[in-house]
Amino acid sequence: MASVAGASIMAQDVCIVGVARTPMGSFLGSLSSLPATKLGSIAIACALKRAGIDPSLVQEVLLGNVLSANLGQAPARQAALGAGIPNSVVCTTIKKVCASGMKATMLAAQTIKLGVNDVVVAGGMEGMSNAPKYLPTGRTGSRLGHDTIIDGMLKDGLWDVYNDFGMGVCAELCADQHKIAREEQDSYSIQSFKRGIAAESSGALSWEMVPVEISGGKGKPSAIIDKDEGLRKFDASRLRKLRPSFKENGGSVTAGNASSISDGAAALVLVSGAMAVKLGLHVIARMRGYADAAQAPELFTTAPAIAIPKAISSSGLKASDIDF
């Protein structure tokens, strides 16, 4: 019988058997020439290959994608077909701010738990660099005066519609509420960068990464992108000197310690325990539990602190059981 970490696999277990992600490209950087759907196809195809599963065995595809404007109809389906998954496979795009890819994975796991599916591809894809700008009066015709252009990335991905401010302001609210100083944020960011660089240098990330080939144009050689672009731009001394981006007086959130604007995709292949045993698949991990949480929109930054205990509880574990 298949097993993971010494535990036997049960028929309705949700097993992760394939994993792949593209490198993370910086805003208008190395991956910006590719739409999110292409990045999704690359991740899906690699995850299936690593799992040893033929695309014809996939029963459903669930992919998260928030900035879907100008990608064309049904982004998840585009990504699936581009990875060689048959036309007969049901595909659904999950548009959830935030964590659309995680929600897609939760929903995929639920279909397996319910006995609806045995093989599901889940994940997420975003091409933030290619989010278009909108001309709201373009369809009806503009009259006398200046026209306004709306940034689709901000409007649909990074703006609190209830309070009319950006996500960075939400981060400032969190820092004020929990008394997190600028120095603490910078130190945490620097630590994260250093850990990422160390992991990349040691090869610890290579098992999950799928290189992306970028055309160099007519008569020029292609480039292979196989490393996270943001790590190469890290400069600790410069990071500490950056000006606050979202709050002019007393602000602490900067372009260096805030979340980055990126392009990339990731995919998981989930199968039932019964299918893992039947096909003799290598099980990377089992999904034992998961949870959602929500509170006031402007407080989204601390919603994970509510979801984590719920996820641990749903797994039948205690916080003391968690290693990392």
C-alpha atoms as a PDB file:
ATOM      1  CA  MET A   1       0.000   0.000   0.000  1.00  0.00           C
ATOM      2  CA  ALA A   2       1.166   3.531  -0.773  1.00  0.00           C
ATOM      3  CA  SER A   3       2.220   5.575   2.218  1.00  0.00           C
ATOM      4  CA  VAL A   4       3.556   8.983   3.159  1.00  0.00           C
ATOM      5  CA  ALA A   5       5.707   9.687   6.211  1.00  0.00           C
ATOM      6  CA  GLY A   6       5.010   6.175   7.459  1.00  0.00           C
ATOM      7  CA  ALA A   7       1.219   6.570   7.390  1.00  0.00           C
ATOM      8  CA  SER A   8      -0.965   4.297   5.279  1.00  0.00           C
ATOM      9  CA  ILE A   9      -3.026   5.925   2.538  1.00  0.00           C
ATOM     10  CA  MET A  10      -6.798   5.547   2.840  1.00  0.00           C
ATOM     11  CA  ALA A  11      -9.108   5.454  -0.194  1.00  0.00           C
ATOM     12  CA  GLN A  12     -10.604   8.939   0.315  1.00  0.00           C
ATOM     13  CA  ASP A  13      -7.388  10.659   1.352  1.00  0.00           C
ATOM     14  CA  VAL A  14      -6.460  13.707  -0.711  1.00  0.00           C
ATOM     15  CA  CYS A  15      -2.936  13.088  -1.956  1.00  0.00           C
ATOM     16  CA  ILE A  16      -0.563  15.530  -3.631  1.00  0.00           C
ATOM     17  CA  VAL A  17       1.380  13.626  -6.279  1.00  0.00           C
ATOM     18  CA  GLY A  18       2.640  16.374  -8.591  1.00  0.00           C
ATOM     19  CA  VAL A  19       3.970  19.877  -7.987  1.00  0.00           C
ATOM     20  CA  ALA A  20       5.325  22.579 -10.275  1.00  0.00           C
ATOM     21  CA  ARG A  21       5.693  26.333 -10.281  1.00  0.00           C
ATOM     22  CA  THR A  22       7.242  28.816 -12.623  1.00  0.00           C
ATOM     23  CA  PRO A  23       9.829  31.250 -11.328  1.00  0.00           C
ATOM     24  CA  MET A  24       8.312  34.456  -9.992  1.00  0.00           C
ATOM     25  CA  GLY A  25       8.851  37.272 -12.477  1.00  0.00           C
ATOM     26  CA  SER A  26       9.065  40.883 -11.338  1.00  0.00           C
ATOM     27  CA  PHE A  27       6.651  43.571 -12.516  1.00  0.00           C
ATOM     28  CA  LEU A  28       7.312  44.219 -16.227  1.00  0.00           C
ATOM     29  CA  GLY A  29      10.201  41.793 -15.898  1.00  0.00           C
ATOM     30  CA  SER A  30      11.382  38.489 -17.319  1.00  0.00           C
ATOM     31  CA  LEU A  31       7.968  36.797 -17.639  1.00  0.00           C
ATOM     32  CA  SER A  32       5.932  39.814 -18.730  1.00  0.00           C
ATOM     33  CA  SER A  33       5.893  38.734 -22.386  1.00  0.00           C
ATOM     34  CA  LEU A  34       3.729  35.716 -21.501  1.00  0.00           C
ATOM     35  CA  PRO A  35       0.043  35.846 -20.485  1.00  0.00           C
ATOM     36  CA  ALA A  36      -0.991  34.221 -17.216  1.00  0.00           C
ATOM     37  CA  THR A  37      -2.721  31.435 -19.139  1.00  0.00           C
ATOM     38  CA  LYS A  38       0.553  30.406 -20.799  1.00  0.00           C
ATOM     39  CA  LEU A  39       2.318  30.383 -17.444  1.00  0.00           C
ATOM     40  CA  GLY A  40      -0.529  28.235 -16.116  1.00  0.00           C
ATOM     41  CA  SER A  41      -0.140  25.767 -18.983  1.00  0.00           C
ATOM     42  CA  ILE A  42       3.574  25.429 -18.313  1.00  0.00           C
ATOM     43  CA  ALA A  43       3.013  24.716 -14.610  1.00  0.00           C
ATOM     44  CA  ILE A  44       0.198  22.210 -15.234  1.00  0.00           C
ATOM     45  CA  ALA A  45       2.084  20.263 -17.897  1.00  0.00           C
ATOM     46  CA  CYS A  46       5.144  19.944 -15.676  1.00  0.00           C
ATOM     47  CA  ALA A  47       3.135  18.938 -12.585  1.00  0.00           C
ATOM     48  CA  LEU A  48       1.383  16.174 -14.542  1.00  0.00           C
ATOM     49  CA  LYS A  49       4.667  14.935 -15.993  1.00  0.00           C
ATOM     50  CA  ARG A  50       6.294  14.825 -12.567  1.00  0.00           C
ATOM     51  CA  ALA A  51       3.293  12.982 -11.146  1.00  0.00           C
ATOM     52  CA  GLY A  52       3.441  10.419 -13.936  1.00  0.00           C
ATOM     53  CA  ILE A  53      -0.201  11.031 -14.826  1.00  0.00           C
ATOM     54  CA  ASP A  54      -1.455  11.195 -18.397  1.00  0.00           C
ATOM     55  CA  PRO A  55      -3.506  14.370 -19.041  1.00  0.00           C
ATOM     56  CA  SER A  56      -6.397  12.166 -20.214  1.00  0.00           C
ATOM     57  CA  LEU A  57      -6.890  10.959 -16.617  1.00  0.00           C
ATOM     58  CA  VAL A  58      -7.627  14.455 -15.277  1.00  0.00           C
ATOM     59  CA  GLN A  59     -11.309  14.871 -14.373  1.00  0.00           C
ATOM     60  CA  GLU A  60     -11.408  18.541 -13.390  1.00  0.00           C
ATOM     61  CA  VAL A  61      -9.222  21.647 -13.358  1.00  0.00           C
ATOM     62  CA  LEU A  62      -9.639  24.464 -10.832  1.00  0.00           C
ATOM     63  CA  LEU A  63      -7.321  27.451 -11.183  1.00  0.00           C
ATOM     64  CA  GLY A  64      -7.227  30.734  -9.328  1.00  0.00           C
ATOM     65  CA  ASN A  65      -6.891  33.936 -11.333  1.00  0.00           C
ATOM     66  CA  VAL A  66      -7.924  37.416 -10.206  1.00  0.00           C
ATOM     67  CA  LEU A  67      -6.619  39.726 -12.934  1.00  0.00           C
ATOM     68  CA  SER A  68      -8.420  38.023 -15.802  1.00  0.00           C
ATOM     69  CA  ALA A  69      -9.193  41.115 -17.896  1.00  0.00           C
ATOM     70  CA  ASN A  70      -7.904  40.773 -21.475  1.00  0.00           C
ATOM     71  CA  LEU A  71      -6.906  37.127 -21.024  1.00  0.00           C
ATOM     72  CA  GLY A  72      -9.866  35.967 -23.091  1.00  0.00           C
ATOM     73  CA  GLN A  73     -12.710  33.666 -22.144  1.00  0.00           C
ATOM     74  CA  ALA A  74     -12.282  31.021 -19.444  1.00  0.00           C
ATOM     75  CA  PRO A  75      -8.638  31.451 -18.370  1.00  0.00           C
ATOM     76  CA  ALA A  76      -8.509  28.133 -16.495  1.00  0.00           C
ATOM     77  CA  ARG A  77      -9.702  26.286 -19.580  1.00  0.00           C
ATOM     78  CA  GLN A  78      -7.103  28.000 -21.735  1.00  0.00           C
ATOM     79  CA  ALA A  79      -4.367  26.918 -19.344  1.00  0.00           C
ATOM     80  CA  ALA A  80      -5.687  23.354 -19.193  1.00  0.00           C
ATOM     81  CA  LEU A  81      -5.986  22.911 -22.955  1.00  0.00           C
ATOM     82  CA  GLY A  82      -2.547  24.421 -23.387  1.00  0.00           C
ATOM     83  CA  ALA A  83      -1.190  21.688 -21.115  1.00  0.00           C
ATOM     84  CA  GLY A  84      -2.715  18.919 -23.223  1.00  0.00           C
ATOM     85  CA  ILE A  85      -5.739  18.223 -21.040  1.00  0.00           C
ATOM     86  CA  PRO A  86      -8.701  17.003 -23.163  1.00  0.00           C
ATOM     87  CA  ASN A  87     -11.624  19.211 -24.215  1.00  0.00           C
ATOM     88  CA  SER A  88     -13.984  17.003 -22.200  1.00  0.00           C
ATOM     89  CA  VAL A  89     -12.460  18.016 -18.858  1.00  0.00           C
ATOM     90  CA  VAL A  90     -14.429  20.548 -16.795  1.00  0.00           C
ATOM     91  CA  CYS A  91     -12.443  23.713 -15.973  1.00  0.00           C
ATOM     92  CA  THR A  92     -13.305  26.531 -13.581  1.00  0.00           C
ATOM     93  CA  THR A  93     -11.557  29.824 -12.848  1.00  0.00           C
ATOM     94  CA  ILE A  94     -11.613  30.916  -9.193  1.00  0.00           C
ATOM     95  CA  LYS A  95     -11.533  34.696  -8.712  1.00  0.00           C
ATOM     96  CA  LYS A  96     -10.936  35.242  -5.001  1.00  0.00           C
ATOM     97  CA  VAL A  97      -9.055  38.096  -3.365  1.00  0.00           C
ATOM     98  CA  CYS A  98      -6.791  36.927  -1.814  1.00  0.00           C
ATOM     99  CA  ALA A  99      -5.521  33.341  -2.153  1.00  0.00           C
ATOM    100  CA  SER A 100      -7.478  32.263  -5.216  1.00  0.00           C
ATOM    101  CA  GLY A 101      -5.007  29.444  -5.866  1.00  0.00           C
ATOM    102  CA  MET A 102      -5.347  28.147  -2.310  1.00  0.00           C
ATOM    103  CA  LYS A 103      -9.135  28.278  -2.576  1.00  0.00           C
ATOM    104  CA  ALA A 104      -8.975  26.374  -5.861  1.00  0.00           C
ATOM    105  CA  THR A 105      -6.939  23.696  -4.088  1.00  0.00           C
ATOM    106  CA  MET A 106      -9.447  23.500  -1.232  1.00  0.00           C
ATOM    107  CA  LEU A 107     -12.336  23.058  -3.654  1.00  0.00           C
ATOM    108  CA  ALA A 108     -10.399  20.418  -5.571  1.00  0.00           C
ATOM    109  CA  ALA A 109      -9.746  18.523  -2.345  1.00  0.00           C
ATOM    110  CA  GLN A 110     -13.432  18.644  -1.467  1.00  0.00           C
ATOM    111  CA  THR A 111     -14.418  17.008  -4.756  1.00  0.00           C
ATOM    112  CA  ILE A 112     -12.071  14.144  -3.945  1.00  0.00           C
ATOM    113  CA  LYS A 113     -13.303  13.852  -0.355  1.00  0.00           C
ATOM    114  CA  LEU A 114     -16.886  13.684  -1.629  1.00  0.00           C
ATOM    115  CA  GLY A 115     -16.017  10.951  -4.100  1.00  0.00           C
ATOM    116  CA  VAL A 116     -16.840  13.124  -7.116  1.00  0.00           C
ATOM    117  CA  ASN A 117     -13.321  13.036  -8.583  1.00  0.00           C
ATOM    118  CA  ASP A 118     -10.168  10.949  -8.336  1.00  0.00           C
ATOM    119  CA  VAL A 119      -7.760  13.180 -10.278  1.00  0.00           C
ATOM    120  CA  VAL A 120      -7.881  16.992 -10.132  1.00  0.00           C
ATOM    121  CA  VAL A 121      -5.446  19.728 -11.134  1.00  0.00           C
ATOM    122  CA  ALA A 122      -5.499  22.823  -8.933  1.00  0.00           C
ATOM    123  CA  GLY A 123      -3.414  25.958  -8.647  1.00  0.00           C
ATOM    124  CA  GLY A 124      -3.214  29.581  -9.620  1.00  0.00           C
ATOM    125  CA  MET A 125      -1.774  31.968 -12.195  1.00  0.00           C
ATOM    126  CA  GLU A 126      -1.346  35.718 -12.451  1.00  0.00           C
ATOM    127  CA  GLY A 127       0.233  38.037 -14.990  1.00  0.00           C
ATOM    128  CA  MET A 128       0.109  41.299 -13.079  1.00  0.00           C
ATOM    129  CA  SER A 129       2.389  42.970 -15.615  1.00  0.00           C
ATOM    130  CA  ASN A 130      -0.221  42.468 -18.328  1.00  0.00           C
ATOM    131  CA  ALA A 131      -3.275  43.740 -16.474  1.00  0.00           C
ATOM    132  CA  PRO A 132      -4.743  46.308 -18.893  1.00  0.00           C
ATOM    133  CA  LYS A 133      -5.717  49.899 -18.307  1.00  0.00           C
ATOM    134  CA  TYR A 134      -9.356  50.809 -18.872  1.00  0.00           C
ATOM    135  CA  LEU A 135     -10.988  53.713 -20.680  1.00  0.00           C
ATOM    136  CA  PRO A 136     -14.428  53.778 -18.971  1.00  0.00           C
ATOM    137  CA  THR A 137     -15.977  56.194 -21.469  1.00  0.00           C
ATOM    138  CA  GLY A 138     -14.570  54.395 -24.503  1.00  0.00           C
ATOM    139  CA  ARG A 139     -17.735  52.441 -25.300  1.00  0.00           C
ATOM    140  CA  THR A 140     -20.242  55.265 -24.901  1.00  0.00           C
ATOM    141  CA  GLY A 141     -18.087  57.996 -26.377  1.00  0.00           C
ATOM    142  CA  SER A 142     -16.280  60.699 -24.451  1.00  0.00           C
ATOM    143  CA  ARG A 143     -17.514  64.282 -24.481  1.00  0.00           C
ATOM    144  CA  LEU A 144     -15.756  67.593 -24.017  1.00  0.00           C
ATOM    145  CA  GLY A 145     -12.842  67.514 -21.588  1.00  0.00           C
ATOM    146  CA  HIS A 146     -10.184  65.074 -20.432  1.00  0.00           C
ATOM    147  CA  ASP A 147     -10.720  61.324 -20.268  1.00  0.00           C
ATOM    148  CA  THR A 148      -9.729  59.153 -17.326  1.00  0.00           C
ATOM    149  CA  ILE A 149      -7.714  55.953 -17.659  1.00  0.00           C
ATOM    150  CA  ILE A 150      -8.178  53.352 -14.907  1.00  0.00           C
ATOM    151  CA  ASP A 151      -5.364  50.985 -13.925  1.00  0.00           C
ATOM    152  CA  GLY A 152      -6.917  47.512 -14.071  1.00  0.00           C
ATOM    153  CA  MET A 153      -4.340  46.029 -11.729  1.00  0.00           C
ATOM    154  CA  LEU A 154      -5.152  48.543  -9.014  1.00  0.00           C
ATOM    155  CA  LYS A 155      -8.900  48.622  -9.669  1.00  0.00           C
ATOM    156  CA  ASP A 156      -9.503  44.866  -9.705  1.00  0.00           C
ATOM    157  CA  GLY A 157      -6.639  43.553  -7.631  1.00  0.00           C
ATOM    158  CA  LEU A 158      -5.139  46.031  -5.201  1.00  0.00           C
ATOM    159  CA  TRP A 159      -7.895  48.448  -4.171  1.00  0.00           C
ATOM    160  CA  ASP A 160     -10.328  48.312  -1.245  1.00  0.00           C
ATOM    161  CA  VAL A 161     -13.630  49.329  -2.859  1.00  0.00           C
ATOM    162  CA  TYR A 162     -15.318  49.917   0.505  1.00  0.00           C
ATOM    163  CA  ASN A 163     -12.817  52.407   1.899  1.00  0.00           C
ATOM    164  CA  ASP A 164     -11.395  53.620  -1.415  1.00  0.00           C
ATOM    165  CA  PHE A 165      -7.759  52.997  -0.609  1.00  0.00           C
ATOM    166  CA  GLY A 166      -5.016  50.609  -1.642  1.00  0.00           C
ATOM    167  CA  MET A 167      -3.893  47.377  -0.039  1.00  0.00           C
ATOM    168  CA  GLY A 168      -0.785  49.127   1.221  1.00  0.00           C
ATOM    169  CA  VAL A 169      -2.969  51.325   3.413  1.00  0.00           C
ATOM    170  CA  CYS A 170      -4.454  48.148   4.898  1.00  0.00           C
ATOM    171  CA  ALA A 171      -0.905  47.083   5.747  1.00  0.00           C
ATOM    172  CA  GLU A 172      -0.346  50.434   7.447  1.00  0.00           C
ATOM    173  CA  LEU A 173      -3.510  49.915   9.504  1.00  0.00           C
ATOM    174  CA  CYS A 174      -2.211  46.507  10.563  1.00  0.00           C
ATOM    175  CA  ALA A 175       1.177  47.933  11.523  1.00  0.00           C
ATOM    176  CA  ASP A 176      -0.462  50.677  13.594  1.00  0.00           C
ATOM    177  CA  GLN A 177      -2.933  48.343  15.289  1.00  0.00           C
ATOM    178  CA  HIS A 178      -0.306  45.771  16.250  1.00  0.00           C
ATOM    179  CA  LYS A 179       2.524  48.260  16.804  1.00  0.00           C
ATOM    180  CA  ILE A 180       4.849  46.755  14.206  1.00  0.00           C
ATOM    181  CA  ALA A 181       7.663  49.247  13.663  1.00  0.00           C
ATOM    182  CA  ARG A 182       9.334  50.021  10.339  1.00  0.00           C
ATOM    183  CA  GLU A 183      12.560  48.438  11.605  1.00  0.00           C
ATOM    184  CA  GLU A 184      10.754  45.187  12.404  1.00  0.00           C
ATOM    185  CA  GLN A 185       9.147  45.082   8.974  1.00  0.00           C
ATOM    186  CA  ASP A 186      12.452  45.739   7.234  1.00  0.00           C
ATOM    187  CA  SER A 187      14.244  43.094   9.301  1.00  0.00           C
ATOM    188  CA  TYR A 188      11.552  40.518   8.559  1.00  0.00           C
ATOM    189  CA  SER A 189      11.695  41.339   4.855  1.00  0.00           C
ATOM    190  CA  ILE A 190      15.494  41.092   4.781  1.00  0.00           C
ATOM    191  CA  GLN A 191      15.328  37.749   6.583  1.00  0.00           C
ATOM    192  CA  SER A 192      12.803  36.486   4.023  1.00  0.00           C
ATOM    193  CA  PHE A 193      14.995  37.583   1.114  1.00  0.00           C
ATOM    194  CA  LYS A 194      18.068  35.962   2.648  1.00  0.00           C
ATOM    195  CA  ARG A 195      16.197  32.717   3.236  1.00  0.00           C
ATOM    196  CA  GLY A 196      14.970  32.733  -0.346  1.00  0.00           C
ATOM    197  CA  ILE A 197      18.462  33.378  -1.699  1.00  0.00           C
ATOM    198  CA  ALA A 198      19.935  30.631   0.505  1.00  0.00           C
ATOM    199  CA  ALA A 199      17.249  28.162  -0.573  1.00  0.00           C
ATOM    200  CA  GLU A 200      17.836  28.977  -4.219  1.00  0.00           C
ATOM    201  CA  SER A 201      21.618  28.714  -3.884  1.00  0.00           C
ATOM    202  CA  SER A 202      21.408  25.336  -2.142  1.00  0.00           C
ATOM    203  CA  GLY A 203      19.072  23.921  -4.778  1.00  0.00           C
ATOM    204  CA  ALA A 204      16.249  23.544  -2.271  1.00  0.00           C
ATOM    205  CA  LEU A 205      13.799  25.154  -4.697  1.00  0.00           C
ATOM    206  CA  SER A 206      14.802  23.229  -7.801  1.00  0.00           C
ATOM    207  CA  TRP A 207      12.386  20.345  -7.188  1.00  0.00           C
ATOM    208  CA  GLU A 208       9.380  22.654  -7.478  1.00  0.00           C
ATOM    209  CA  MET A 209      10.605  24.977 -10.236  1.00  0.00           C
ATOM    210  CA  VAL A 210       9.874  24.572 -13.946  1.00  0.00           C
ATOM    211  CA  PRO A 211      12.105  26.680 -16.220  1.00  0.00           C
ATOM    212  CA  VAL A 212      10.311  29.005 -18.647  1.00  0.00           C
ATOM    213  CA  GLU A 213      11.635  29.662 -22.137  1.00  0.00           C
ATOM    214  CA  ILE A 214      11.235  33.239 -23.351  1.00  0.00           C
ATOM    215  CA  SER A 215      11.588  34.013 -27.042  1.00  0.00           C
ATOM    216  CA  GLY A 216      14.332  36.493 -27.837  1.00  0.00           C
ATOM    217  CA  GLY A 217      12.591  37.700 -30.974  1.00  0.00           C
ATOM    218  CA  LYS A 218      13.486  37.291 -34.619  1.00  0.00           C
ATOM    219  CA  GLY A 219      17.061  36.143 -35.045  1.00  0.00           C
ATOM    220  CA  LYS A 220      17.804  36.280 -31.329  1.00  0.00           C
ATOM    221  CA  PRO A 221      18.356  33.336 -28.959  1.00  0.00           C
ATOM    222  CA  SER A 222      15.715  32.407 -26.405  1.00  0.00           C
ATOM    223  CA  ALA A 223      16.283  32.970 -22.702  1.00  0.00           C
ATOM    224  CA  ILE A 224      15.636  30.366 -20.019  1.00  0.00           C
ATOM    225  CA  ILE A 225      14.196  31.782 -16.806  1.00  0.00           C
ATOM    226  CA  ASP A 226      14.768  29.366 -13.928  1.00  0.00           C
ATOM    227  CA  LYS A 227      15.166  31.599 -10.876  1.00  0.00           C
ATOM    228  CA  ASP A 228      12.886  33.969  -8.971  1.00  0.00           C
ATOM    229  CA  GLU A 229      13.611  37.389 -10.381  1.00  0.00           C
ATOM    230  CA  GLY A 230      12.929  39.419  -7.251  1.00  0.00           C
ATOM    231  CA  LEU A 231      15.714  37.727  -5.297  1.00  0.00           C
ATOM    232  CA  ARG A 232      18.330  39.059  -7.718  1.00  0.00           C
ATOM    233  CA  LYS A 233      17.325  42.654  -6.984  1.00  0.00           C
ATOM    234  CA  PHE A 234      17.748  42.392  -3.203  1.00  0.00           C
ATOM    235  CA  ASP A 235      19.870  45.064  -1.511  1.00  0.00           C
ATOM    236  CA  ALA A 236      19.507  45.199   2.279  1.00  0.00           C
ATOM    237  CA  SER A 237      21.043  48.646   2.728  1.00  0.00           C
ATOM    238  CA  ARG A 238      18.867  50.142   0.006  1.00  0.00           C
ATOM    239  CA  LEU A 239      15.754  48.453   1.393  1.00  0.00           C
ATOM    240  CA  ARG A 240      16.179  50.175   4.759  1.00  0.00           C
ATOM    241  CA  LYS A 241      16.418  53.587   3.059  1.00  0.00           C
ATOM    242  CA  LEU A 242      13.239  53.353   0.977  1.00  0.00           C
ATOM    243  CA  ARG A 243      10.522  55.906   1.594  1.00  0.00           C
ATOM    244  CA  PRO A 244       7.066  54.793   2.774  1.00  0.00           C
ATOM    245  CA  SER A 245       4.801  54.153  -0.200  1.00  0.00           C
ATOM    246  CA  PHE A 246       1.306  54.484   1.228  1.00  0.00           C
ATOM    247  CA  LYS A 247       1.365  56.884   4.183  1.00  0.00           C
ATOM    248  CA  GLU A 248       3.287  60.125   3.849  1.00  0.00           C
ATOM    249  CA  ASN A 249       3.652  60.988   7.522  1.00  0.00           C
ATOM    250  CA  GLY A 250       4.675  58.202   9.876  1.00  0.00           C
ATOM    251  CA  GLY A 251       4.303  55.462   7.295  1.00  0.00           C
ATOM    252  CA  SER A 252       6.246  52.212   7.614  1.00  0.00           C
ATOM    253  CA  VAL A 253       5.275  50.103   4.582  1.00  0.00           C
ATOM    254  CA  THR A 254       7.619  50.437   1.608  1.00  0.00           C
ATOM    255  CA  ALA A 255       8.171  48.830  -1.771  1.00  0.00           C
ATOM    256  CA  GLY A 256      10.874  46.759  -0.083  1.00  0.00           C
ATOM    257  CA  ASN A 257       8.954  45.298   2.846  1.00  0.00           C
ATOM    258  CA  ALA A 258       5.539  45.000   1.172  1.00  0.00           C
ATOM    259  CA  SER A 259       4.275  42.200  -1.058  1.00  0.00           C
ATOM    260  CA  SER A 260       5.725  42.349  -4.551  1.00  0.00           C
ATOM    261  CA  ILE A 261       3.895  42.736  -7.857  1.00  0.00           C
ATOM    262  CA  SER A 262       4.730  39.557  -9.745  1.00  0.00           C
ATOM    263  CA  ASP A 263       3.994  37.203 -12.627  1.00  0.00           C
ATOM    264  CA  GLY A 264       3.882  33.425 -12.266  1.00  0.00           C
ATOM    265  CA  ALA A 265       1.877  30.237 -11.896  1.00  0.00           C
ATOM    266  CA  ALA A 266       1.779  27.086  -9.782  1.00  0.00           C
ATOM    267  CA  ALA A 267      -0.051  23.777 -10.116  1.00  0.00           C
ATOM    268  CA  LEU A 268      -0.738  20.721  -7.978  1.00  0.00           C
ATOM    269  CA  VAL A 269      -1.986  17.313  -9.037  1.00  0.00           C
ATOM    270  CA  LEU A 270      -4.376  15.928  -6.426  1.00  0.00           C
ATOM    271  CA  VAL A 271      -5.597  12.338  -6.443  1.00  0.00           C
ATOM    272  CA  SER A 272      -7.646  10.152  -4.152  1.00  0.00           C
ATOM    273  CA  GLY A 273      -5.832   7.622  -2.021  1.00  0.00           C
ATOM    274  CA  ALA A 274      -7.499   4.874  -4.025  1.00  0.00           C
ATOM    275  CA  MET A 275      -6.098   6.261  -7.280  1.00  0.00           C
ATOM    276  CA  ALA A 276      -2.647   6.719  -5.765  1.00  0.00           C
ATOM    277  CA  VAL A 277      -2.598   3.048  -4.792  1.00  0.00           C
ATOM    278  CA  LYS A 278      -4.086   1.886  -8.091  1.00  0.00           C
ATOM    279  CA  LEU A 279      -1.484   3.715 -10.188  1.00  0.00           C
ATOM    280  CA  GLY A 280       1.380   3.174  -7.763  1.00  0.00           C
ATOM    281  CA  LEU A 281       2.020   6.911  -7.490  1.00  0.00           C
ATOM    282  CA  HIS A 282       4.576   8.551  -5.237  1.00  0.00           C
ATOM    283  CA  VAL A 283       2.648  10.554  -2.649  1.00  0.00           C
ATOM    284  CA  ILE A 284       4.403  13.799  -1.737  1.00  0.00           C
ATOM    285  CA  ALA A 285       1.915  14.745   0.976  1.00  0.00           C
ATOM    286  CA  ARG A 286      -1.653  14.354   2.170  1.00  0.00           C
ATOM    287  CA  MET A 287      -4.041  17.263   2.657  1.00  0.00           C
ATOM    288  CA  ARG A 288      -5.324  16.722   6.171  1.00  0.00           C
ATOM    289  CA  GLY A 289      -7.144  19.987   6.692  1.00  0.00           C
ATOM    290  CA  TYR A 290      -7.756  23.529   5.533  1.00  0.00           C
ATOM    291  CA  ALA A 291      -9.872  26.520   6.519  1.00  0.00           C
ATOM    292  CA  ASP A 292     -11.082  29.948   5.441  1.00  0.00           C
ATOM    293  CA  ALA A 293     -11.528  33.053   7.560  1.00  0.00           C
ATOM    294  CA  ALA A 294     -12.868  36.539   6.944  1.00  0.00           C
ATOM    295  CA  GLN A 295     -13.286  39.827   8.760  1.00  0.00           C
ATOM    296  CA  ALA A 296     -13.638  43.495   7.796  1.00  0.00           C
ATOM    297  CA  PRO A 297     -12.077  44.001   4.327  1.00  0.00           C
ATOM    298  CA  GLU A 298      -9.473  46.461   5.571  1.00  0.00           C
ATOM    299  CA  LEU A 299      -8.334  43.910   8.176  1.00  0.00           C
ATOM    300  CA  PHE A 300      -7.634  41.145   5.663  1.00  0.00           C
ATOM    301  CA  THR A 301      -3.952  41.128   6.620  1.00  0.00           C
ATOM    302  CA  THR A 302      -4.674  39.309   9.892  1.00  0.00           C
ATOM    303  CA  ALA A 303      -7.371  36.941   8.593  1.00  0.00           C
ATOM    304  CA  PRO A 304      -4.791  34.108   8.320  1.00  0.00           C
ATOM    305  CA  ALA A 305      -4.357  34.283  12.104  1.00  0.00           C
ATOM    306  CA  ILE A 306      -8.011  33.234  12.346  1.00  0.00           C
ATOM    307  CA  ALA A 307      -7.805  30.602   9.614  1.00  0.00           C
ATOM    308  CA  ILE A 308      -4.677  28.847  10.912  1.00  0.00           C
ATOM    309  CA  PRO A 309      -6.174  27.540  14.191  1.00  0.00           C
ATOM    310  CA  LYS A 310      -9.258  26.410  12.268  1.00  0.00           C
ATOM    311  CA  ALA A 311      -7.109  24.527   9.765  1.00  0.00           C
ATOM    312  CA  ILE A 312      -5.092  22.864  12.514  1.00  0.00           C
ATOM    313  CA  SER A 313      -8.281  21.831  14.287  1.00  0.00           C
ATOM    314  CA  SER A 314      -9.835  20.426  11.114  1.00  0.00           C
ATOM    315  CA  SER A 315      -6.710  18.296  10.700  1.00  0.00           C
ATOM    316  CA  GLY A 316      -7.143  16.724  14.118  1.00  0.00           C
ATOM    317  CA  LEU A 317      -3.890  18.295  15.288  1.00  0.00           C
ATOM    318  CA  LYS A 318      -2.743  20.769  17.931  1.00  0.00           C
ATOM    319  CA  ALA A 319      -0.586  23.834  17.415  1.00  0.00           C
ATOM    320  CA  SER A 320       2.219  22.053  19.286  1.00  0.00           C
ATOM    321  CA  ASP A 321       2.206  19.350  16.600  1.00  0.00           C
ATOM    322  CA  ILE A 322       3.235  21.803  13.880  1.00  0.00           C
ATOM    323  CA  ASP A 323       6.927  21.858  12.947  1.00  0.00           C
ATOM    324  CA  PHE A 324       6.927  24.812  10.545  1.00  0.00           C
END
